[in-house]
Amino acid sequence: MYFYKMCELLSRSKNTTIYVCKVVNNYELLDHDNKFVFKNYHGRDSYQKSSERNFDTILMTHKIAGICRVIHSVENQQIATLKNNIVTVCGILMEYIEGQTLEKFIINETYNIVTIYCICRQLLSTLKSLHEYGFMHRDIKPDNIIINSNLKVTVVDCDFTTRESSSNRQVGTPLYMPSEALVGKKYTSKYDIYSFGILLYKLVEKRDLYDVCYREEGSKQVLNKDNINRLVKGFETKLFLLCRHDIWRNFPKLYKLLRKCLVKHEDKRITAAEAYDMVMTFFKKNNLWTY
């Protein structure tokens, strides 16, 4: 009998827990290195809400380069826990991507402008393809991106991915949400471009944009969605003052890209294809090879 065994806890949230798993035969690990990632939903209600929303979408998007491959959804499947108990679970099984999250990479690694552009090019290529297929991700952030030792980037969590439409459903991570999503207005795939802009700022500055704005006000309270929505209304005009790293001044086209991604009004915000073209000019100008 074949089933899966949880081997390592990766992360835990209110509704899900994510594990590294291996294939098991008669309660013993098979002698090979195949690893998978299993996203376990806490309770059948959480699983059904997610599956009704976008399992079909998730399975369609895995063919897009730069997105983690989803193998299949799992309903009432037996799995061995870290303590070797056999439990029945609901969730999705995904390929295992070697590397670390971009969040950990930003915190722990030292990198240069070429690395920044390399990461941006890959992310924008993935978003460009995702949008061309008619999807939007809605949760682009460093924790949802894996980067390996060769600087190859993969988006690993598509739980909020959906067909592009004029949606006003509030999903995603507040620190990376555009103003239109924060206030419940209708939005499009340009949601992802705003999230990318926030990510780009952190990639250069190694700190969160909204948190910087908030601390400069002298506040010591917890940064929440209401505070973020208020900050969004005013930070665009003082963005230059918040960009303190020398990279912005040494590479003004990167700062120009940042500004175009973080335009408050969605209809004036740059597209993924336009942002990708801006990044590619850096590689062409410097005769650099890219993934």
C-alpha atoms as a PDB file:
ATOM      1  CA  MET A   1       0.000   0.000   0.000  1.00  0.00           C
ATOM      2  CA  TYR A   2       1.324   3.407  -0.997  1.00  0.00           C
ATOM      3  CA  PHE A   3       0.607   6.644   0.806  1.00  0.00           C
ATOM      4  CA  TYR A   4       2.494   9.706   2.017  1.00  0.00           C
ATOM      5  CA  LYS A   5       4.422  10.468   5.184  1.00  0.00           C
ATOM      6  CA  MET A   6       4.967  13.954   6.615  1.00  0.00           C
ATOM      7  CA  CYS A   7       8.721  14.441   7.012  1.00  0.00           C
ATOM      8  CA  GLU A   8       9.121  18.139   7.809  1.00  0.00           C
ATOM      9  CA  LEU A   9       6.890  21.014   8.871  1.00  0.00           C
ATOM     10  CA  LEU A  10       7.340  24.014   6.567  1.00  0.00           C
ATOM     11  CA  SER A  11       4.731  26.495   7.762  1.00  0.00           C
ATOM     12  CA  ARG A  12       1.446  26.815   9.607  1.00  0.00           C
ATOM     13  CA  SER A  13      -1.388  29.343   9.289  1.00  0.00           C
ATOM     14  CA  LYS A  14      -4.949  29.678  10.536  1.00  0.00           C
ATOM     15  CA  ASN A  15      -6.436  27.472   7.805  1.00  0.00           C
ATOM     16  CA  THR A  16      -3.540  25.373   6.499  1.00  0.00           C
ATOM     17  CA  THR A  17      -0.352  23.529   7.432  1.00  0.00           C
ATOM     18  CA  ILE A  18       2.347  22.777   4.854  1.00  0.00           C
ATOM     19  CA  TYR A  19       4.653  19.759   5.058  1.00  0.00           C
ATOM     20  CA  VAL A  20       7.418  18.105   3.069  1.00  0.00           C
ATOM     21  CA  CYS A  21       6.249  14.541   2.315  1.00  0.00           C
ATOM     22  CA  LYS A  22       7.694  11.341   0.895  1.00  0.00           C
ATOM     23  CA  VAL A  23       6.088   8.249  -0.588  1.00  0.00           C
ATOM     24  CA  VAL A  24       5.595   5.375   1.864  1.00  0.00           C
ATOM     25  CA  ASN A  25       5.137   1.656   1.140  1.00  0.00           C
ATOM     26  CA  ASN A  26       3.874  -0.535   3.975  1.00  0.00           C
ATOM     27  CA  TYR A  27       4.816   2.088   6.579  1.00  0.00           C
ATOM     28  CA  GLU A  28       8.428   2.413   5.365  1.00  0.00           C
ATOM     29  CA  LEU A  29       9.906   5.232   3.301  1.00  0.00           C
ATOM     30  CA  LEU A  30      10.793   4.128  -0.201  1.00  0.00           C
ATOM     31  CA  ASP A  31      14.481   4.297  -1.048  1.00  0.00           C
ATOM     32  CA  HIS A  32      14.484   7.316  -3.381  1.00  0.00           C
ATOM     33  CA  ASP A  33      14.764  11.054  -3.061  1.00  0.00           C
ATOM     34  CA  ASN A  34      11.342  12.015  -4.387  1.00  0.00           C
ATOM     35  CA  LYS A  35       9.901  14.763  -2.225  1.00  0.00           C
ATOM     36  CA  PHE A  36       6.551  16.471  -2.396  1.00  0.00           C
ATOM     37  CA  VAL A  37       4.896  19.356  -0.615  1.00  0.00           C
ATOM     38  CA  PHE A  38       1.498  18.707   0.926  1.00  0.00           C
ATOM     39  CA  LYS A  39      -0.795  21.591   1.861  1.00  0.00           C
ATOM     40  CA  ASN A  40      -3.205  20.317   4.492  1.00  0.00           C
ATOM     41  CA  TYR A  41      -6.444  22.235   5.015  1.00  0.00           C
ATOM     42  CA  HIS A  42      -7.693  22.388   8.608  1.00  0.00           C
ATOM     43  CA  GLY A  43     -11.119  20.824   8.395  1.00  0.00           C
ATOM     44  CA  ARG A  44     -13.321  19.895   5.487  1.00  0.00           C
ATOM     45  CA  ASP A  45     -14.949  23.338   5.364  1.00  0.00           C
ATOM     46  CA  SER A  46     -11.601  25.048   4.640  1.00  0.00           C
ATOM     47  CA  TYR A  47     -10.855  22.475   1.946  1.00  0.00           C
ATOM     48  CA  GLN A  48     -14.263  22.819   0.297  1.00  0.00           C
ATOM     49  CA  LYS A  49     -14.099  26.619   0.270  1.00  0.00           C
ATOM     50  CA  SER A  50     -10.699  26.460  -1.408  1.00  0.00           C
ATOM     51  CA  SER A  51     -11.600  23.693  -3.850  1.00  0.00           C
ATOM     52  CA  GLU A  52     -14.840  25.397  -4.877  1.00  0.00           C
ATOM     53  CA  ARG A  53     -12.895  28.593  -5.450  1.00  0.00           C
ATOM     54  CA  ASN A  54      -9.926  27.601  -7.530  1.00  0.00           C
ATOM     55  CA  PHE A  55      -8.559  24.034  -7.634  1.00  0.00           C
ATOM     56  CA  ASP A  56      -9.301  23.890 -11.359  1.00  0.00           C
ATOM     57  CA  THR A  57      -7.525  27.228 -11.768  1.00  0.00           C
ATOM     58  CA  ILE A  58      -4.508  26.042  -9.780  1.00  0.00           C
ATOM     59  CA  LEU A  59      -4.228  22.905 -11.929  1.00  0.00           C
ATOM     60  CA  MET A  60      -4.360  25.024 -15.114  1.00  0.00           C
ATOM     61  CA  THR A  61      -1.726  27.531 -13.976  1.00  0.00           C
ATOM     62  CA  HIS A  62       0.923  24.905 -13.155  1.00  0.00           C
ATOM     63  CA  LYS A  63       1.788  24.703 -16.856  1.00  0.00           C
ATOM     64  CA  ILE A  64       3.028  28.309 -16.765  1.00  0.00           C
ATOM     65  CA  ALA A  65       6.805  28.604 -16.435  1.00  0.00           C
ATOM     66  CA  GLY A  66       7.894  29.858 -13.031  1.00  0.00           C
ATOM     67  CA  ILE A  67       4.915  28.443 -11.104  1.00  0.00           C
ATOM     68  CA  CYS A  68       5.163  25.401  -8.840  1.00  0.00           C
ATOM     69  CA  ARG A  69       3.498  22.330 -10.361  1.00  0.00           C
ATOM     70  CA  VAL A  70       0.395  21.033  -8.573  1.00  0.00           C
ATOM     71  CA  ILE A  71       0.180  17.241  -8.879  1.00  0.00           C
ATOM     72  CA  HIS A  72      -3.404  16.711  -7.729  1.00  0.00           C
ATOM     73  CA  SER A  73      -5.937  17.556  -5.063  1.00  0.00           C
ATOM     74  CA  VAL A  74      -6.288  15.134  -2.168  1.00  0.00           C
ATOM     75  CA  GLU A  75      -9.616  14.385  -0.486  1.00  0.00           C
ATOM     76  CA  ASN A  76      -9.972  11.881   2.364  1.00  0.00           C
ATOM     77  CA  GLN A  77      -6.439  10.588   1.759  1.00  0.00           C
ATOM     78  CA  GLN A  78      -4.527   8.665   4.433  1.00  0.00           C
ATOM     79  CA  ILE A  79      -1.179  10.155   5.422  1.00  0.00           C
ATOM     80  CA  ALA A  80       1.381   9.369   8.130  1.00  0.00           C
ATOM     81  CA  THR A  81       2.061  12.292  10.485  1.00  0.00           C
ATOM     82  CA  LEU A  82       5.447  13.352  11.893  1.00  0.00           C
ATOM     83  CA  LYS A  83       4.637  11.119  14.903  1.00  0.00           C
ATOM     84  CA  ASN A  84       3.753   8.165  12.615  1.00  0.00           C
ATOM     85  CA  ASN A  85       0.027   8.349  13.310  1.00  0.00           C
ATOM     86  CA  ILE A  86      -2.233   7.611  10.338  1.00  0.00           C
ATOM     87  CA  VAL A  87      -4.753  10.392   9.686  1.00  0.00           C
ATOM     88  CA  THR A  88      -7.210  11.257   6.928  1.00  0.00           C
ATOM     89  CA  VAL A  89      -6.626  14.640   5.317  1.00  0.00           C
ATOM     90  CA  CYS A  90      -7.806  17.008   2.580  1.00  0.00           C
ATOM     91  CA  GLY A  91      -5.444  19.246   0.632  1.00  0.00           C
ATOM     92  CA  ILE A  92      -3.247  19.563  -2.433  1.00  0.00           C
ATOM     93  CA  LEU A  93      -0.030  17.773  -3.362  1.00  0.00           C
ATOM     94  CA  MET A  94       2.653  19.861  -5.087  1.00  0.00           C
ATOM     95  CA  GLU A  95       6.163  19.370  -6.401  1.00  0.00           C
ATOM     96  CA  TYR A  96       9.000  20.093  -3.984  1.00  0.00           C
ATOM     97  CA  ILE A  97      11.133  23.092  -4.993  1.00  0.00           C
ATOM     98  CA  GLU A  98      14.684  23.151  -3.639  1.00  0.00           C
ATOM     99  CA  GLY A  99      15.798  26.474  -2.178  1.00  0.00           C
ATOM    100  CA  GLN A 100      14.711  29.086   0.336  1.00  0.00           C
ATOM    101  CA  THR A 101      11.920  31.638   0.378  1.00  0.00           C
ATOM    102  CA  LEU A 102      12.714  35.026  -1.090  1.00  0.00           C
ATOM    103  CA  GLU A 103      11.901  36.453   2.349  1.00  0.00           C
ATOM    104  CA  LYS A 104      14.786  34.492   3.905  1.00  0.00           C
ATOM    105  CA  PHE A 105      17.018  35.327   0.943  1.00  0.00           C
ATOM    106  CA  ILE A 106      16.432  39.058   1.443  1.00  0.00           C
ATOM    107  CA  ILE A 107      17.148  38.824   5.164  1.00  0.00           C
ATOM    108  CA  ASN A 108      20.189  36.535   5.035  1.00  0.00           C
ATOM    109  CA  GLU A 109      21.981  37.129   1.734  1.00  0.00           C
ATOM    110  CA  THR A 110      24.155  39.892   0.270  1.00  0.00           C
ATOM    111  CA  TYR A 111      23.431  40.562  -3.413  1.00  0.00           C
ATOM    112  CA  ASN A 112      24.017  43.136  -6.154  1.00  0.00           C
ATOM    113  CA  ILE A 113      22.025  44.932  -8.836  1.00  0.00           C
ATOM    114  CA  VAL A 114      22.391  42.067 -11.334  1.00  0.00           C
ATOM    115  CA  THR A 115      20.776  39.677  -8.843  1.00  0.00           C
ATOM    116  CA  ILE A 116      17.920  42.130  -8.255  1.00  0.00           C
ATOM    117  CA  TYR A 117      17.273  42.439 -11.995  1.00  0.00           C
ATOM    118  CA  CYS A 118      17.545  38.665 -12.440  1.00  0.00           C
ATOM    119  CA  ILE A 119      14.855  38.070  -9.806  1.00  0.00           C
ATOM    120  CA  CYS A 120      12.635  40.800 -11.253  1.00  0.00           C
ATOM    121  CA  ARG A 121      12.952  39.469 -14.796  1.00  0.00           C
ATOM    122  CA  GLN A 122      11.823  35.982 -13.773  1.00  0.00           C
ATOM    123  CA  LEU A 123       8.914  37.184 -11.639  1.00  0.00           C
ATOM    124  CA  LEU A 124       7.672  39.547 -14.322  1.00  0.00           C
ATOM    125  CA  SER A 125       7.993  36.846 -16.963  1.00  0.00           C
ATOM    126  CA  THR A 126       5.781  34.584 -14.838  1.00  0.00           C
ATOM    127  CA  LEU A 127       3.245  37.360 -14.173  1.00  0.00           C
ATOM    128  CA  LYS A 128       3.241  38.317 -17.858  1.00  0.00           C
ATOM    129  CA  SER A 129       2.383  34.719 -18.842  1.00  0.00           C
ATOM    130  CA  LEU A 130      -0.167  34.380 -16.035  1.00  0.00           C
ATOM    131  CA  HIS A 131      -1.957  37.541 -17.152  1.00  0.00           C
ATOM    132  CA  GLU A 132      -1.812  36.568 -20.834  1.00  0.00           C
ATOM    133  CA  TYR A 133      -3.622  33.328 -19.927  1.00  0.00           C
ATOM    134  CA  GLY A 134      -6.281  35.394 -18.179  1.00  0.00           C
ATOM    135  CA  PHE A 135      -5.326  34.751 -14.548  1.00  0.00           C
ATOM    136  CA  MET A 136      -4.302  36.944 -11.628  1.00  0.00           C
ATOM    137  CA  HIS A 137      -2.317  35.679  -8.631  1.00  0.00           C
ATOM    138  CA  ARG A 138      -3.381  38.103  -5.862  1.00  0.00           C
ATOM    139  CA  ASP A 139      -0.741  37.095  -3.317  1.00  0.00           C
ATOM    140  CA  ILE A 140       2.699  37.938  -4.733  1.00  0.00           C
ATOM    141  CA  LYS A 141       5.076  38.360  -1.774  1.00  0.00           C
ATOM    142  CA  PRO A 142       8.556  37.080  -0.750  1.00  0.00           C
ATOM    143  CA  ASP A 143       7.109  34.247   1.379  1.00  0.00           C
ATOM    144  CA  ASN A 144       5.366  32.807  -1.698  1.00  0.00           C
ATOM    145  CA  ILE A 145       8.515  32.675  -3.824  1.00  0.00           C
ATOM    146  CA  ILE A 146      11.326  30.098  -3.706  1.00  0.00           C
ATOM    147  CA  ILE A 147      14.801  30.984  -4.964  1.00  0.00           C
ATOM    148  CA  ASN A 148      17.490  28.322  -5.390  1.00  0.00           C
ATOM    149  CA  SER A 149      21.292  28.508  -5.329  1.00  0.00           C
ATOM    150  CA  ASN A 150      21.336  29.335  -9.059  1.00  0.00           C
ATOM    151  CA  LEU A 151      18.948  32.265  -8.496  1.00  0.00           C
ATOM    152  CA  LYS A 152      16.096  30.464 -10.245  1.00  0.00           C
ATOM    153  CA  VAL A 153      12.779  31.802  -8.969  1.00  0.00           C
ATOM    154  CA  THR A 154       9.507  29.870  -8.571  1.00  0.00           C
ATOM    155  CA  VAL A 155       6.107  31.067  -7.354  1.00  0.00           C
ATOM    156  CA  VAL A 156       4.860  28.365  -4.979  1.00  0.00           C
ATOM    157  CA  ASP A 157       1.441  29.387  -3.632  1.00  0.00           C
ATOM    158  CA  CYS A 158      -1.486  29.936  -5.996  1.00  0.00           C
ATOM    159  CA  ASP A 159      -4.294  29.600  -3.445  1.00  0.00           C
ATOM    160  CA  PHE A 160      -5.790  32.977  -4.374  1.00  0.00           C
ATOM    161  CA  THR A 161      -5.174  32.671  -8.117  1.00  0.00           C
ATOM    162  CA  THR A 162      -8.339  33.152 -10.142  1.00  0.00           C
ATOM    163  CA  ARG A 163      -9.595  34.023 -13.593  1.00  0.00           C
ATOM    164  CA  GLU A 164      -9.137  37.710 -14.278  1.00  0.00           C
ATOM    165  CA  SER A 165     -12.338  39.648 -13.847  1.00  0.00           C
ATOM    166  CA  SER A 166     -13.477  42.795 -12.139  1.00  0.00           C
ATOM    167  CA  SER A 167     -13.378  41.318  -8.643  1.00  0.00           C
ATOM    168  CA  ASN A 168     -13.683  43.184  -5.358  1.00  0.00           C
ATOM    169  CA  ARG A 169     -13.088  40.254  -3.005  1.00  0.00           C
ATOM    170  CA  GLN A 170     -10.509  41.138  -0.342  1.00  0.00           C
ATOM    171  CA  VAL A 171      -7.864  38.417  -0.511  1.00  0.00           C
ATOM    172  CA  GLY A 172      -4.098  38.442  -0.207  1.00  0.00           C
ATOM    173  CA  THR A 173      -1.640  39.935   2.266  1.00  0.00           C
ATOM    174  CA  PRO A 174      -2.431  43.527   3.394  1.00  0.00           C
ATOM    175  CA  LEU A 175       1.223  44.646   3.184  1.00  0.00           C
ATOM    176  CA  TYR A 176       1.193  43.775  -0.544  1.00  0.00           C
ATOM    177  CA  MET A 177      -2.367  44.761  -1.487  1.00  0.00           C
ATOM    178  CA  PRO A 178      -3.124  47.799  -3.705  1.00  0.00           C
ATOM    179  CA  SER A 179      -5.492  50.505  -2.548  1.00  0.00           C
ATOM    180  CA  GLU A 180      -8.374  49.302  -4.733  1.00  0.00           C
ATOM    181  CA  ALA A 181      -8.315  45.878  -3.040  1.00  0.00           C
ATOM    182  CA  LEU A 182      -7.889  47.299   0.462  1.00  0.00           C
ATOM    183  CA  VAL A 183     -11.065  49.380   0.207  1.00  0.00           C
ATOM    184  CA  GLY A 184     -13.137  46.713  -1.562  1.00  0.00           C
ATOM    185  CA  LYS A 185     -13.203  48.310  -5.014  1.00  0.00           C
ATOM    186  CA  LYS A 186     -13.111  46.268  -8.209  1.00  0.00           C
ATOM    187  CA  TYR A 187      -9.610  45.322  -9.407  1.00  0.00           C
ATOM    188  CA  THR A 188      -7.855  43.470 -12.220  1.00  0.00           C
ATOM    189  CA  SER A 189      -4.512  41.722 -12.778  1.00  0.00           C
ATOM    190  CA  LYS A 190      -2.757  45.032 -12.070  1.00  0.00           C
ATOM    191  CA  TYR A 191      -3.246  43.996  -8.439  1.00  0.00           C
ATOM    192  CA  ASP A 192      -0.187  41.755  -9.017  1.00  0.00           C
ATOM    193  CA  ILE A 193       1.896  44.631 -10.407  1.00  0.00           C
ATOM    194  CA  TYR A 194       1.346  46.692  -7.280  1.00  0.00           C
ATOM    195  CA  SER A 195       2.355  43.680  -5.155  1.00  0.00           C
ATOM    196  CA  PHE A 196       5.472  43.285  -7.303  1.00  0.00           C
ATOM    197  CA  GLY A 197       6.330  46.955  -6.689  1.00  0.00           C
ATOM    198  CA  ILE A 198       6.123  46.475  -2.912  1.00  0.00           C
ATOM    199  CA  LEU A 199       8.309  43.368  -3.298  1.00  0.00           C
ATOM    200  CA  LEU A 200      10.842  45.291  -5.416  1.00  0.00           C
ATOM    201  CA  TYR A 201      11.131  47.960  -2.721  1.00  0.00           C
ATOM    202  CA  LYS A 202      11.858  45.285  -0.100  1.00  0.00           C
ATOM    203  CA  LEU A 203      14.329  43.541  -2.403  1.00  0.00           C
ATOM    204  CA  VAL A 204      16.398  46.739  -2.591  1.00  0.00           C
ATOM    205  CA  GLU A 205      15.806  48.274   0.837  1.00  0.00           C
ATOM    206  CA  LYS A 206      15.514  45.005   2.857  1.00  0.00           C
ATOM    207  CA  ARG A 207      12.513  46.430   4.739  1.00  0.00           C
ATOM    208  CA  ASP A 208       8.742  46.720   4.212  1.00  0.00           C
ATOM    209  CA  LEU A 209       7.522  49.916   2.545  1.00  0.00           C
ATOM    210  CA  TYR A 210       4.368  50.398   4.613  1.00  0.00           C
ATOM    211  CA  ASP A 211       6.213  49.609   7.821  1.00  0.00           C
ATOM    212  CA  VAL A 212       8.771  52.340   6.972  1.00  0.00           C
ATOM    213  CA  CYS A 213       5.947  54.843   6.360  1.00  0.00           C
ATOM    214  CA  TYR A 214       4.255  53.869   9.606  1.00  0.00           C
ATOM    215  CA  ARG A 215       7.360  54.062  11.778  1.00  0.00           C
ATOM    216  CA  GLU A 216       8.230  57.471  10.357  1.00  0.00           C
ATOM    217  CA  GLU A 217       4.964  58.730  11.791  1.00  0.00           C
ATOM    218  CA  GLY A 218       6.329  57.756  15.206  1.00  0.00           C
ATOM    219  CA  SER A 219       3.627  55.157  15.802  1.00  0.00           C
ATOM    220  CA  LYS A 220       4.384  52.117  17.941  1.00  0.00           C
ATOM    221  CA  GLN A 221       1.019  50.434  17.390  1.00  0.00           C
ATOM    222  CA  VAL A 222       0.542  47.264  15.367  1.00  0.00           C
ATOM    223  CA  LEU A 223       0.361  47.927  11.618  1.00  0.00           C
ATOM    224  CA  ASN A 224      -3.076  46.729  10.441  1.00  0.00           C
ATOM    225  CA  LYS A 225      -5.193  46.912   7.294  1.00  0.00           C
ATOM    226  CA  ASP A 226      -6.854  50.224   8.261  1.00  0.00           C
ATOM    227  CA  ASN A 227      -3.469  51.867   8.825  1.00  0.00           C
ATOM    228  CA  ILE A 228      -2.114  50.494   5.550  1.00  0.00           C
ATOM    229  CA  ASN A 229      -5.117  51.846   3.642  1.00  0.00           C
ATOM    230  CA  ARG A 230      -4.479  55.291   5.123  1.00  0.00           C
ATOM    231  CA  LEU A 231      -0.771  55.130   4.281  1.00  0.00           C
ATOM    232  CA  VAL A 232      -1.457  54.155   0.652  1.00  0.00           C
ATOM    233  CA  LYS A 233      -3.242  57.469   0.107  1.00  0.00           C
ATOM    234  CA  GLY A 234      -0.169  59.527   0.957  1.00  0.00           C
ATOM    235  CA  PHE A 235       3.056  57.627   0.405  1.00  0.00           C
ATOM    236  CA  GLU A 236       3.138  57.891  -3.419  1.00  0.00           C
ATOM    237  CA  THR A 237       4.099  61.586  -3.274  1.00  0.00           C
ATOM    238  CA  LYS A 238       6.982  60.939  -0.853  1.00  0.00           C
ATOM    239  CA  LEU A 239       8.228  57.664  -2.361  1.00  0.00           C
ATOM    240  CA  PHE A 240      11.555  59.216  -3.379  1.00  0.00           C
ATOM    241  CA  LEU A 241      12.274  60.134   0.251  1.00  0.00           C
ATOM    242  CA  LEU A 242      11.595  56.539   1.309  1.00  0.00           C
ATOM    243  CA  CYS A 243      14.031  55.147  -1.292  1.00  0.00           C
ATOM    244  CA  ARG A 244      17.280  55.632   0.585  1.00  0.00           C
ATOM    245  CA  HIS A 245      19.485  52.943  -0.906  1.00  0.00           C
ATOM    246  CA  ASP A 246      22.153  54.132  -3.376  1.00  0.00           C
ATOM    247  CA  ILE A 247      20.856  51.625  -5.944  1.00  0.00           C
ATOM    248  CA  TRP A 248      17.875  53.870  -6.718  1.00  0.00           C
ATOM    249  CA  ARG A 249      20.151  56.810  -7.586  1.00  0.00           C
ATOM    250  CA  ASN A 250      22.759  54.708  -9.398  1.00  0.00           C
ATOM    251  CA  PHE A 251      20.092  52.925 -11.444  1.00  0.00           C
ATOM    252  CA  PRO A 252      17.312  55.482 -12.024  1.00  0.00           C
ATOM    253  CA  LYS A 253      15.446  53.194 -14.442  1.00  0.00           C
ATOM    254  CA  LEU A 254      14.870  50.752 -11.576  1.00  0.00           C
ATOM    255  CA  TYR A 255      13.368  53.583  -9.529  1.00  0.00           C
ATOM    256  CA  LYS A 256      11.235  54.521 -12.544  1.00  0.00           C
ATOM    257  CA  LEU A 257       9.970  50.918 -12.665  1.00  0.00           C
ATOM    258  CA  LEU A 258       9.125  51.085  -8.959  1.00  0.00           C
ATOM    259  CA  ARG A 259       7.115  54.279  -9.392  1.00  0.00           C
ATOM    260  CA  LYS A 260       5.194  52.893 -12.376  1.00  0.00           C
ATOM    261  CA  CYS A 261       4.286  49.741 -10.405  1.00  0.00           C
ATOM    262  CA  LEU A 262       3.129  51.673  -7.338  1.00  0.00           C
ATOM    263  CA  VAL A 263       0.814  54.132  -9.068  1.00  0.00           C
ATOM    264  CA  LYS A 264      -2.272  54.375  -6.871  1.00  0.00           C
ATOM    265  CA  HIS A 265      -4.815  54.465  -9.701  1.00  0.00           C
ATOM    266  CA  GLU A 266      -5.027  51.056 -11.352  1.00  0.00           C
ATOM    267  CA  ASP A 267      -5.802  52.350 -14.853  1.00  0.00           C
ATOM    268  CA  LYS A 268      -2.526  54.329 -14.860  1.00  0.00           C
ATOM    269  CA  ARG A 269      -0.413  51.480 -13.462  1.00  0.00           C
ATOM    270  CA  ILE A 270       2.054  49.677 -15.739  1.00  0.00           C
ATOM    271  CA  THR A 271       1.233  46.187 -17.097  1.00  0.00           C
ATOM    272  CA  ALA A 272       3.347  43.076 -16.499  1.00  0.00           C
ATOM    273  CA  ALA A 273       4.413  43.083 -20.174  1.00  0.00           C
ATOM    274  CA  GLU A 274       5.517  46.720 -19.987  1.00  0.00           C
ATOM    275  CA  ALA A 275       7.387  46.134 -16.723  1.00  0.00           C
ATOM    276  CA  TYR A 276       9.076  43.072 -18.224  1.00  0.00           C
ATOM    277  CA  ASP A 277      10.267  45.116 -21.223  1.00  0.00           C
ATOM    278  CA  MET A 278      11.707  47.763 -18.886  1.00  0.00           C
ATOM    279  CA  VAL A 279      13.704  45.102 -17.018  1.00  0.00           C
ATOM    280  CA  MET A 280      14.946  43.492 -20.221  1.00  0.00           C
ATOM    281  CA  THR A 281      16.558  46.760 -21.349  1.00  0.00           C
ATOM    282  CA  PHE A 282      19.021  46.364 -18.449  1.00  0.00           C
ATOM    283  CA  PHE A 283      20.150  42.946 -19.702  1.00  0.00           C
ATOM    284  CA  LYS A 284      20.359  44.062 -23.336  1.00  0.00           C
ATOM    285  CA  LYS A 285      22.315  47.208 -22.452  1.00  0.00           C
ATOM    286  CA  ASN A 286      24.832  45.214 -20.395  1.00  0.00           C
ATOM    287  CA  ASN A 287      24.927  42.158 -22.710  1.00  0.00           C
ATOM    288  CA  LEU A 288      23.927  39.847 -19.837  1.00  0.00           C
ATOM    289  CA  TRP A 289      22.594  36.310 -20.179  1.00  0.00           C
ATOM    290  CA  THR A 290      19.297  35.576 -18.427  1.00  0.00           C
ATOM    291  CA  TYR A 291      17.235  32.517 -17.478  1.00  0.00           C
END
